[in-house]
Amino acid sequence: MSDAAGGSYTLVVDLASDAALTAGALGDRRLPAGAYAYTGSALGSGGFSRVDRHRRTARGDHDVRHWHVDYLLGHPAARIDRVVRSVGVDVECRVAERLPAGPVDGFGASDCDCPSHLAAGSQYGSDDPARAALDALAERALAAHEAAVRASDEPDATVEVVAGSAE
């Protein structure tokens, strides 16, 4: 399926240092350095081009802050490590509920009843290297997407992992 097919996605985000952000109506928030996963949907006519927009924001090439995740990705310490995608199916909330609890209530979930669409993985420290934390959270995101797709009524839906920092 092409990127235009759309579906749901999870951005696995490396936050290399502690960050203070103002996340729109959610206000000022502090996030410790660590691995995070943001789950969203890309169901409009552009499909997964929304992920390309997130990549541009994380690179500093796009300054508009429209969604909560823009505030996180716009921080200089944030980098998209990889993206897990469920192609051809809307499983955004089903994936988000299968991931760890979020550090900010309501983050990315203003249009649904989920507590948050931002999940927190391990915080970085000397006993938990960044790569291990990112890999563990990415594996959880992949398992969440696979389970959500299996439970869906979309027999042609697929799950894939793609690069996070594509140019």
N, C-alpha and C. Protein backbone atom coordinates (compact mmCIF):
# COMPACT_ATOMS: atom_id res chain seq x y z
N MET A 1 0.85 -1.19 0.00
CA MET A 1 0.00 0.00 0.00
C MET A 1 0.88 1.24 0.00
N SER A 2 0.42 2.27 -0.60
CA SER A 2 1.20 3.50 -0.67
C SER A 2 1.02 4.31 0.61
N ASP A 3 1.89 5.33 0.76
CA ASP A 3 1.76 6.23 1.89
C ASP A 3 0.41 6.94 1.88
N ALA A 4 -0.18 7.13 0.69
CA ALA A 4 -1.46 7.82 0.59
C ALA A 4 -2.60 6.99 1.19
N ALA A 5 -2.38 5.67 1.37
CA ALA A 5 -3.43 4.82 1.93
C ALA A 5 -3.75 5.21 3.37
N GLY A 6 -2.75 5.68 4.07
CA GLY A 6 -2.96 6.12 5.45
C GLY A 6 -3.17 4.98 6.42
N GLY A 7 -3.46 5.37 7.64
CA GLY A 7 -3.65 4.41 8.72
C GLY A 7 -3.30 5.05 10.05
N SER A 8 -2.65 4.30 10.90
CA SER A 8 -2.25 4.77 12.22
C SER A 8 -0.74 4.59 12.36
N TYR A 9 -0.14 5.40 13.22
CA TYR A 9 1.31 5.34 13.36
C TYR A 9 1.72 5.63 14.80
N THR A 10 2.90 5.16 15.16
CA THR A 10 3.52 5.49 16.43
C THR A 10 4.93 5.98 16.14
N LEU A 11 5.21 7.19 16.60
CA LEU A 11 6.55 7.75 16.51
C LEU A 11 7.31 7.34 17.77
N VAL A 12 8.43 6.68 17.61
CA VAL A 12 9.29 6.36 18.76
C VAL A 12 10.31 7.49 18.83
N VAL A 13 10.26 8.24 19.92
CA VAL A 13 11.01 9.49 20.04
C VAL A 13 12.12 9.36 21.08
N ASP A 14 13.30 9.77 20.68
CA ASP A 14 14.46 9.85 21.56
C ASP A 14 14.53 11.28 22.07
N LEU A 15 14.31 11.46 23.37
CA LEU A 15 14.48 12.77 24.00
C LEU A 15 15.80 12.72 24.75
N ALA A 16 16.86 13.27 24.15
CA ALA A 16 18.22 13.09 24.64
C ALA A 16 18.52 13.81 25.95
N SER A 17 17.77 14.85 26.26
CA SER A 17 17.97 15.56 27.52
C SER A 17 16.62 16.03 28.05
N ASP A 18 16.57 16.39 29.32
CA ASP A 18 15.33 16.88 29.91
C ASP A 18 14.81 18.06 29.08
N ALA A 19 13.49 18.17 28.98
CA ALA A 19 12.90 19.22 28.17
C ALA A 19 11.75 19.90 28.89
N ALA A 20 11.70 21.20 28.78
CA ALA A 20 10.56 21.98 29.24
C ALA A 20 9.82 22.42 27.99
N LEU A 21 8.53 22.12 27.93
CA LEU A 21 7.73 22.48 26.77
C LEU A 21 6.45 23.15 27.20
N THR A 22 5.90 23.93 26.30
CA THR A 22 4.55 24.44 26.45
C THR A 22 3.74 23.75 25.38
N ALA A 23 2.85 22.85 25.77
CA ALA A 23 2.10 22.01 24.83
C ALA A 23 0.68 22.55 24.64
N GLY A 24 0.58 23.68 23.99
CA GLY A 24 -0.72 24.26 23.70
C GLY A 24 -1.56 24.43 24.95
N ALA A 25 -2.82 24.00 24.88
CA ALA A 25 -3.75 24.14 26.00
C ALA A 25 -3.36 23.29 27.21
N LEU A 26 -2.44 22.33 27.02
CA LEU A 26 -2.00 21.50 28.15
C LEU A 26 -1.02 22.25 29.04
N GLY A 27 -0.50 23.37 28.55
CA GLY A 27 0.37 24.22 29.37
C GLY A 27 1.81 23.76 29.43
N ASP A 28 2.51 24.27 30.43
CA ASP A 28 3.93 23.98 30.60
C ASP A 28 4.12 22.59 31.18
N ARG A 29 5.04 21.85 30.59
CA ARG A 29 5.34 20.48 31.02
C ARG A 29 6.84 20.26 30.98
N ARG A 30 7.30 19.42 31.90
CA ARG A 30 8.70 18.99 31.90
C ARG A 30 8.72 17.50 31.62
N LEU A 31 9.55 17.11 30.70
CA LEU A 31 9.73 15.70 30.40
C LEU A 31 11.19 15.33 30.63
N PRO A 32 11.43 14.28 31.40
CA PRO A 32 12.82 13.86 31.59
C PRO A 32 13.35 13.18 30.32
N ALA A 33 14.65 13.21 30.15
CA ALA A 33 15.27 12.51 29.02
C ALA A 33 14.81 11.06 29.05
N GLY A 34 14.51 10.53 27.87
CA GLY A 34 14.06 9.14 27.80
C GLY A 34 13.44 8.82 26.47
N ALA A 35 12.85 7.64 26.41
CA ALA A 35 12.17 7.15 25.21
C ALA A 35 10.68 7.42 25.35
N TYR A 36 10.08 7.93 24.30
CA TYR A 36 8.65 8.23 24.28
C TYR A 36 8.04 7.67 22.99
N ALA A 37 6.76 7.40 23.03
CA ALA A 37 6.05 6.93 21.84
C ALA A 37 4.76 7.73 21.71
N TYR A 38 4.59 8.38 20.57
CA TYR A 38 3.38 9.14 20.29
C TYR A 38 2.60 8.41 19.20
N THR A 39 1.32 8.14 19.46
CA THR A 39 0.48 7.44 18.50
C THR A 39 -0.55 8.40 17.91
N GLY A 40 -0.64 8.38 16.59
CA GLY A 40 -1.57 9.26 15.89
C GLY A 40 -2.20 8.56 14.71
N SER A 41 -3.01 9.32 13.97
CA SER A 41 -3.65 8.76 12.78
C SER A 41 -3.29 9.60 11.57
N ALA A 42 -3.27 8.95 10.44
CA ALA A 42 -2.97 9.58 9.16
C ALA A 42 -4.01 9.08 8.16
N LEU A 43 -5.23 9.53 8.36
CA LEU A 43 -6.34 8.97 7.58
C LEU A 43 -6.86 9.88 6.48
N GLY A 44 -6.39 11.10 6.42
CA GLY A 44 -6.88 12.03 5.41
C GLY A 44 -6.30 11.72 4.04
N SER A 45 -6.54 12.62 3.11
CA SER A 45 -6.12 12.40 1.72
C SER A 45 -4.61 12.28 1.58
N GLY A 46 -3.84 12.89 2.47
CA GLY A 46 -2.38 12.80 2.39
C GLY A 46 -1.80 11.56 3.01
N GLY A 47 -2.62 10.79 3.71
CA GLY A 47 -2.14 9.56 4.34
C GLY A 47 -0.96 9.81 5.25
N PHE A 48 0.09 9.03 5.06
CA PHE A 48 1.24 9.10 5.94
C PHE A 48 2.15 10.30 5.68
N SER A 49 1.73 11.22 4.82
CA SER A 49 2.52 12.45 4.65
C SER A 49 2.57 13.23 5.97
N ARG A 50 1.62 12.97 6.86
CA ARG A 50 1.65 13.60 8.18
C ARG A 50 2.93 13.23 8.93
N VAL A 51 3.40 12.00 8.75
CA VAL A 51 4.64 11.58 9.39
C VAL A 51 5.81 12.38 8.83
N ASP A 52 5.79 12.67 7.53
CA ASP A 52 6.83 13.50 6.93
C ASP A 52 6.83 14.89 7.56
N ARG A 53 5.65 15.43 7.85
CA ARG A 53 5.54 16.72 8.52
C ARG A 53 6.17 16.65 9.91
N HIS A 54 5.90 15.55 10.63
CA HIS A 54 6.52 15.37 11.95
C HIS A 54 8.04 15.31 11.84
N ARG A 55 8.54 14.64 10.81
CA ARG A 55 9.99 14.57 10.59
C ARG A 55 10.57 15.97 10.36
N ARG A 56 9.89 16.78 9.55
CA ARG A 56 10.36 18.14 9.29
C ARG A 56 10.37 18.96 10.59
N THR A 57 9.35 18.78 11.42
CA THR A 57 9.31 19.50 12.70
C THR A 57 10.48 19.08 13.58
N ALA A 58 10.77 17.79 13.65
CA ALA A 58 11.88 17.29 14.48
C ALA A 58 13.23 17.77 13.95
N ARG A 59 13.35 17.98 12.64
CA ARG A 59 14.60 18.49 12.07
C ARG A 59 14.73 20.00 12.21
N GLY A 60 13.66 20.66 12.62
CA GLY A 60 13.68 22.12 12.72
C GLY A 60 13.32 22.82 11.43
N ASP A 61 12.80 22.07 10.45
CA ASP A 61 12.44 22.63 9.15
C ASP A 61 10.99 23.09 9.08
N HIS A 62 10.23 22.91 10.15
CA HIS A 62 8.81 23.28 10.17
C HIS A 62 8.50 23.84 11.55
N ASP A 63 8.10 25.10 11.60
CA ASP A 63 7.91 25.77 12.89
C ASP A 63 6.48 25.85 13.38
N VAL A 64 5.51 25.46 12.58
CA VAL A 64 4.11 25.58 12.98
C VAL A 64 3.79 24.53 14.03
N ARG A 65 3.17 24.95 15.13
CA ARG A 65 2.78 24.03 16.20
C ARG A 65 1.27 23.91 16.18
N HIS A 66 0.79 22.81 15.61
CA HIS A 66 -0.65 22.58 15.49
C HIS A 66 -1.14 21.50 16.45
N TRP A 67 -0.38 20.41 16.57
CA TRP A 67 -0.74 19.29 17.43
C TRP A 67 0.18 19.27 18.65
N HIS A 68 -0.27 18.60 19.71
CA HIS A 68 0.55 18.49 20.92
C HIS A 68 1.94 17.96 20.61
N VAL A 69 2.03 16.96 19.76
CA VAL A 69 3.32 16.34 19.47
C VAL A 69 4.29 17.32 18.82
N ASP A 70 3.78 18.36 18.15
CA ASP A 70 4.66 19.37 17.55
C ASP A 70 5.54 20.04 18.60
N TYR A 71 5.00 20.23 19.80
CA TYR A 71 5.75 20.88 20.86
C TYR A 71 6.90 20.00 21.35
N LEU A 72 6.66 18.70 21.41
CA LEU A 72 7.72 17.77 21.77
C LEU A 72 8.75 17.69 20.65
N LEU A 73 8.29 17.45 19.42
CA LEU A 73 9.23 17.28 18.31
C LEU A 73 9.99 18.55 17.98
N GLY A 74 9.44 19.70 18.30
CA GLY A 74 10.11 20.96 18.05
C GLY A 74 11.23 21.27 19.04
N HIS A 75 11.32 20.47 20.11
CA HIS A 75 12.40 20.68 21.07
C HIS A 75 13.71 20.17 20.47
N PRO A 76 14.82 20.90 20.63
CA PRO A 76 16.08 20.48 20.01
C PRO A 76 16.61 19.12 20.49
N ALA A 77 16.18 18.65 21.65
CA ALA A 77 16.66 17.37 22.17
C ALA A 77 15.84 16.18 21.64
N ALA A 78 14.77 16.45 20.88
CA ALA A 78 13.89 15.37 20.39
C ALA A 78 14.30 14.93 18.98
N ARG A 79 14.26 13.61 18.78
CA ARG A 79 14.56 13.01 17.49
C ARG A 79 13.66 11.81 17.29
N ILE A 80 13.07 11.67 16.10
CA ILE A 80 12.26 10.49 15.80
C ILE A 80 13.20 9.35 15.46
N ASP A 81 13.20 8.31 16.27
CA ASP A 81 14.09 7.17 16.07
C ASP A 81 13.56 6.24 14.99
N ARG A 82 12.26 5.95 15.03
CA ARG A 82 11.62 5.10 14.02
C ARG A 82 10.11 5.28 14.13
N VAL A 83 9.43 4.76 13.13
CA VAL A 83 7.97 4.88 13.06
C VAL A 83 7.39 3.49 12.83
N VAL A 84 6.41 3.13 13.65
CA VAL A 84 5.67 1.89 13.45
C VAL A 84 4.33 2.29 12.84
N ARG A 85 3.97 1.67 11.70
CA ARG A 85 2.75 2.05 11.00
C ARG A 85 1.82 0.85 10.81
N SER A 86 0.55 1.09 11.03
CA SER A 86 -0.50 0.15 10.65
C SER A 86 -1.14 0.76 9.41
N VAL A 87 -0.92 0.13 8.27
CA VAL A 87 -1.34 0.67 6.99
C VAL A 87 -2.72 0.16 6.64
N GLY A 88 -3.60 1.10 6.30
CA GLY A 88 -4.93 0.73 5.82
C GLY A 88 -5.95 0.47 6.91
N VAL A 89 -5.69 0.93 8.12
CA VAL A 89 -6.61 0.67 9.23
C VAL A 89 -6.47 1.76 10.29
N ASP A 90 -7.59 2.11 10.91
CA ASP A 90 -7.59 3.08 12.01
C ASP A 90 -7.57 2.33 13.33
N VAL A 91 -6.38 2.24 13.93
CA VAL A 91 -6.22 1.55 15.22
C VAL A 91 -5.53 2.45 16.23
N GLU A 92 -5.59 3.75 16.01
CA GLU A 92 -4.88 4.72 16.84
C GLU A 92 -5.14 4.51 18.33
N CYS A 93 -6.39 4.51 18.74
CA CYS A 93 -6.71 4.38 20.17
C CYS A 93 -6.40 2.98 20.69
N ARG A 94 -6.62 1.97 19.86
CA ARG A 94 -6.32 0.60 20.29
C ARG A 94 -4.83 0.39 20.51
N VAL A 95 -4.01 1.07 19.73
CA VAL A 95 -2.56 0.99 19.94
C VAL A 95 -2.19 1.78 21.20
N ALA A 96 -2.69 3.00 21.32
CA ALA A 96 -2.33 3.85 22.46
C ALA A 96 -2.66 3.17 23.79
N GLU A 97 -3.78 2.45 23.85
CA GLU A 97 -4.16 1.81 25.12
C GLU A 97 -3.27 0.62 25.45
N ARG A 98 -2.53 0.10 24.48
CA ARG A 98 -1.63 -1.03 24.72
C ARG A 98 -0.22 -0.60 25.10
N LEU A 99 0.03 0.69 25.11
CA LEU A 99 1.37 1.20 25.43
C LEU A 99 1.42 1.68 26.88
N PRO A 100 2.62 1.91 27.42
CA PRO A 100 2.73 2.37 28.81
C PRO A 100 1.99 3.69 29.03
N ALA A 101 1.71 3.95 30.27
CA ALA A 101 1.01 5.19 30.64
C ALA A 101 1.79 6.41 30.18
N GLY A 102 1.04 7.44 29.87
CA GLY A 102 1.65 8.68 29.39
C GLY A 102 2.02 9.61 30.52
N PRO A 103 3.03 10.45 30.28
CA PRO A 103 3.47 11.40 31.29
C PRO A 103 2.61 12.66 31.34
N VAL A 104 1.76 12.88 30.32
CA VAL A 104 0.94 14.08 30.25
C VAL A 104 -0.49 13.67 29.89
N ASP A 105 -1.41 13.84 30.84
CA ASP A 105 -2.81 13.51 30.56
C ASP A 105 -3.34 14.35 29.41
N GLY A 106 -4.06 13.70 28.50
CA GLY A 106 -4.69 14.38 27.38
C GLY A 106 -3.78 14.64 26.20
N PHE A 107 -2.50 14.31 26.29
CA PHE A 107 -1.57 14.60 25.21
C PHE A 107 -1.96 13.82 23.96
N GLY A 108 -2.29 14.54 22.89
CA GLY A 108 -2.66 13.92 21.62
C GLY A 108 -4.02 13.25 21.64
N ALA A 109 -4.78 13.42 22.70
CA ALA A 109 -6.04 12.71 22.84
C ALA A 109 -7.22 13.67 23.03
N SER A 110 -7.13 14.84 22.44
CA SER A 110 -8.22 15.81 22.62
C SER A 110 -9.46 15.45 21.83
N ASP A 111 -9.34 14.52 20.88
CA ASP A 111 -10.49 14.14 20.06
C ASP A 111 -11.00 12.73 20.35
N CYS A 112 -10.60 12.18 21.51
CA CYS A 112 -11.07 10.84 21.88
C CYS A 112 -11.15 10.75 23.40
N ASP A 113 -11.46 9.58 23.92
CA ASP A 113 -11.59 9.39 25.36
C ASP A 113 -10.36 8.75 26.00
N CYS A 114 -9.28 8.61 25.26
CA CYS A 114 -8.06 8.00 25.79
C CYS A 114 -7.41 8.93 26.82
N PRO A 115 -6.73 8.37 27.81
CA PRO A 115 -6.02 9.21 28.78
C PRO A 115 -4.90 10.02 28.12
N SER A 116 -4.18 9.42 27.16
CA SER A 116 -3.06 10.08 26.50
C SER A 116 -2.64 9.25 25.29
N HIS A 117 -2.08 9.92 24.30
CA HIS A 117 -1.50 9.21 23.16
C HIS A 117 0.02 9.32 23.18
N LEU A 118 0.57 9.83 24.28
CA LEU A 118 2.01 9.86 24.48
C LEU A 118 2.35 8.86 25.57
N ALA A 119 3.15 7.87 25.21
CA ALA A 119 3.57 6.85 26.16
C ALA A 119 5.00 7.13 26.60
N ALA A 120 5.30 6.80 27.83
CA ALA A 120 6.65 6.97 28.36
C ALA A 120 7.33 5.62 28.46
N GLY A 121 8.51 5.54 27.88
CA GLY A 121 9.35 4.37 28.05
C GLY A 121 10.29 4.63 29.22
N SER A 122 11.44 4.04 29.17
CA SER A 122 12.42 4.24 30.24
C SER A 122 13.07 5.60 30.16
N GLN A 123 13.31 6.17 31.34
CA GLN A 123 14.09 7.39 31.40
C GLN A 123 15.56 6.99 31.23
N TYR A 124 16.34 7.90 30.67
CA TYR A 124 17.75 7.60 30.44
C TYR A 124 18.54 7.78 31.72
N GLY A 125 19.44 6.89 31.93
CA GLY A 125 20.32 6.95 33.08
C GLY A 125 21.48 6.01 32.84
N SER A 126 22.38 5.95 33.77
CA SER A 126 23.58 5.13 33.58
C SER A 126 23.25 3.65 33.49
N ASP A 127 22.16 3.21 34.11
CA ASP A 127 21.79 1.79 34.07
C ASP A 127 20.87 1.45 32.91
N ASP A 128 20.45 2.44 32.13
CA ASP A 128 19.50 2.20 31.05
C ASP A 128 19.91 3.02 29.83
N PRO A 129 20.83 2.51 29.05
CA PRO A 129 21.29 3.26 27.88
C PRO A 129 20.14 3.61 26.94
N ALA A 130 20.29 4.71 26.25
CA ALA A 130 19.25 5.21 25.36
C ALA A 130 18.83 4.17 24.33
N ARG A 131 19.77 3.51 23.70
CA ARG A 131 19.44 2.55 22.64
C ARG A 131 18.56 1.43 23.17
N ALA A 132 18.87 0.91 24.34
CA ALA A 132 18.07 -0.17 24.92
C ALA A 132 16.64 0.31 25.22
N ALA A 133 16.51 1.53 25.74
CA ALA A 133 15.19 2.07 26.06
C ALA A 133 14.37 2.28 24.79
N LEU A 134 15.00 2.81 23.75
CA LEU A 134 14.29 3.02 22.48
C LEU A 134 13.88 1.69 21.85
N ASP A 135 14.80 0.72 21.86
CA ASP A 135 14.48 -0.59 21.29
C ASP A 135 13.32 -1.26 22.03
N ALA A 136 13.33 -1.18 23.35
CA ALA A 136 12.26 -1.80 24.14
C ALA A 136 10.91 -1.14 23.86
N LEU A 137 10.88 0.18 23.79
CA LEU A 137 9.62 0.87 23.52
C LEU A 137 9.16 0.61 22.08
N ALA A 138 10.09 0.55 21.15
CA ALA A 138 9.73 0.24 19.76
C ALA A 138 9.14 -1.16 19.65
N GLU A 139 9.69 -2.12 20.38
CA GLU A 139 9.14 -3.48 20.37
C GLU A 139 7.72 -3.50 20.93
N ARG A 140 7.49 -2.74 21.99
CA ARG A 140 6.13 -2.65 22.55
C ARG A 140 5.18 -2.01 21.55
N ALA A 141 5.64 -0.97 20.85
CA ALA A 141 4.79 -0.31 19.85
C ALA A 141 4.48 -1.28 18.72
N LEU A 142 5.47 -2.03 18.26
CA LEU A 142 5.24 -3.00 17.19
C LEU A 142 4.23 -4.05 17.63
N ALA A 143 4.39 -4.59 18.83
CA ALA A 143 3.45 -5.59 19.35
C ALA A 143 2.04 -5.01 19.48
N ALA A 144 1.95 -3.75 19.91
CA ALA A 144 0.64 -3.10 20.04
C ALA A 144 -0.03 -2.94 18.69
N HIS A 145 0.72 -2.54 17.68
CA HIS A 145 0.16 -2.42 16.33
C HIS A 145 -0.28 -3.77 15.79
N GLU A 146 0.57 -4.78 15.96
CA GLU A 146 0.23 -6.12 15.46
C GLU A 146 -1.04 -6.64 16.12
N ALA A 147 -1.17 -6.47 17.43
CA ALA A 147 -2.37 -6.94 18.14
C ALA A 147 -3.60 -6.16 17.70
N ALA A 148 -3.47 -4.85 17.53
CA ALA A 148 -4.61 -4.03 17.12
C ALA A 148 -5.06 -4.38 15.70
N VAL A 149 -4.13 -4.64 14.82
CA VAL A 149 -4.48 -5.01 13.45
C VAL A 149 -5.15 -6.39 13.43
N ARG A 150 -4.62 -7.33 14.20
CA ARG A 150 -5.25 -8.66 14.27
C ARG A 150 -6.69 -8.56 14.75
N ALA A 151 -6.97 -7.65 15.67
CA ALA A 151 -8.31 -7.49 16.24
C ALA A 151 -9.24 -6.67 15.35
N SER A 152 -8.69 -6.08 14.30
CA SER A 152 -9.51 -5.22 13.42
C SER A 152 -10.27 -6.08 12.40
N ASP A 153 -11.14 -5.41 11.68
CA ASP A 153 -11.91 -6.07 10.61
C ASP A 153 -11.31 -5.79 9.24
N GLU A 154 -10.04 -5.45 9.21
CA GLU A 154 -9.37 -5.09 7.95
C GLU A 154 -8.37 -6.18 7.57
N PRO A 155 -8.79 -7.14 6.75
CA PRO A 155 -7.90 -8.26 6.41
C PRO A 155 -6.67 -7.86 5.60
N ASP A 156 -6.71 -6.72 4.92
CA ASP A 156 -5.57 -6.31 4.10
C ASP A 156 -4.62 -5.36 4.81
N ALA A 157 -4.91 -5.03 6.06
CA ALA A 157 -4.05 -4.12 6.82
C ALA A 157 -2.71 -4.78 7.10
N THR A 158 -1.67 -3.97 7.10
CA THR A 158 -0.32 -4.46 7.37
C THR A 158 0.35 -3.58 8.43
N VAL A 159 1.40 -4.12 9.03
CA VAL A 159 2.18 -3.37 10.00
C VAL A 159 3.62 -3.34 9.50
N GLU A 160 4.25 -2.17 9.62
CA GLU A 160 5.63 -2.05 9.18
C GLU A 160 6.35 -1.04 10.05
N VAL A 161 7.68 -1.17 10.06
CA VAL A 161 8.53 -0.23 10.78
C VAL A 161 9.37 0.48 9.73
N VAL A 162 9.39 1.82 9.81
CA VAL A 162 10.15 2.62 8.85
C VAL A 162 11.08 3.55 9.61
N ALA A 163 12.05 4.09 8.90
CA ALA A 163 13.03 5.00 9.49
C ALA A 163 12.35 6.22 10.07
N GLY A 164 12.91 6.72 11.13
CA GLY A 164 12.33 7.91 11.76
C GLY A 164 12.84 9.21 11.20
N SER A 165 14.09 9.23 10.75
CA SER A 165 14.68 10.50 10.36
C SER A 165 14.88 10.61 8.85
N ALA A 166 13.97 10.04 8.08
CA ALA A 166 14.08 10.10 6.62
C ALA A 166 14.11 11.55 6.17
N GLU A 167 14.89 11.82 5.20
CA GLU A 167 15.01 13.20 4.69
C GLU A 167 13.92 13.50 3.71
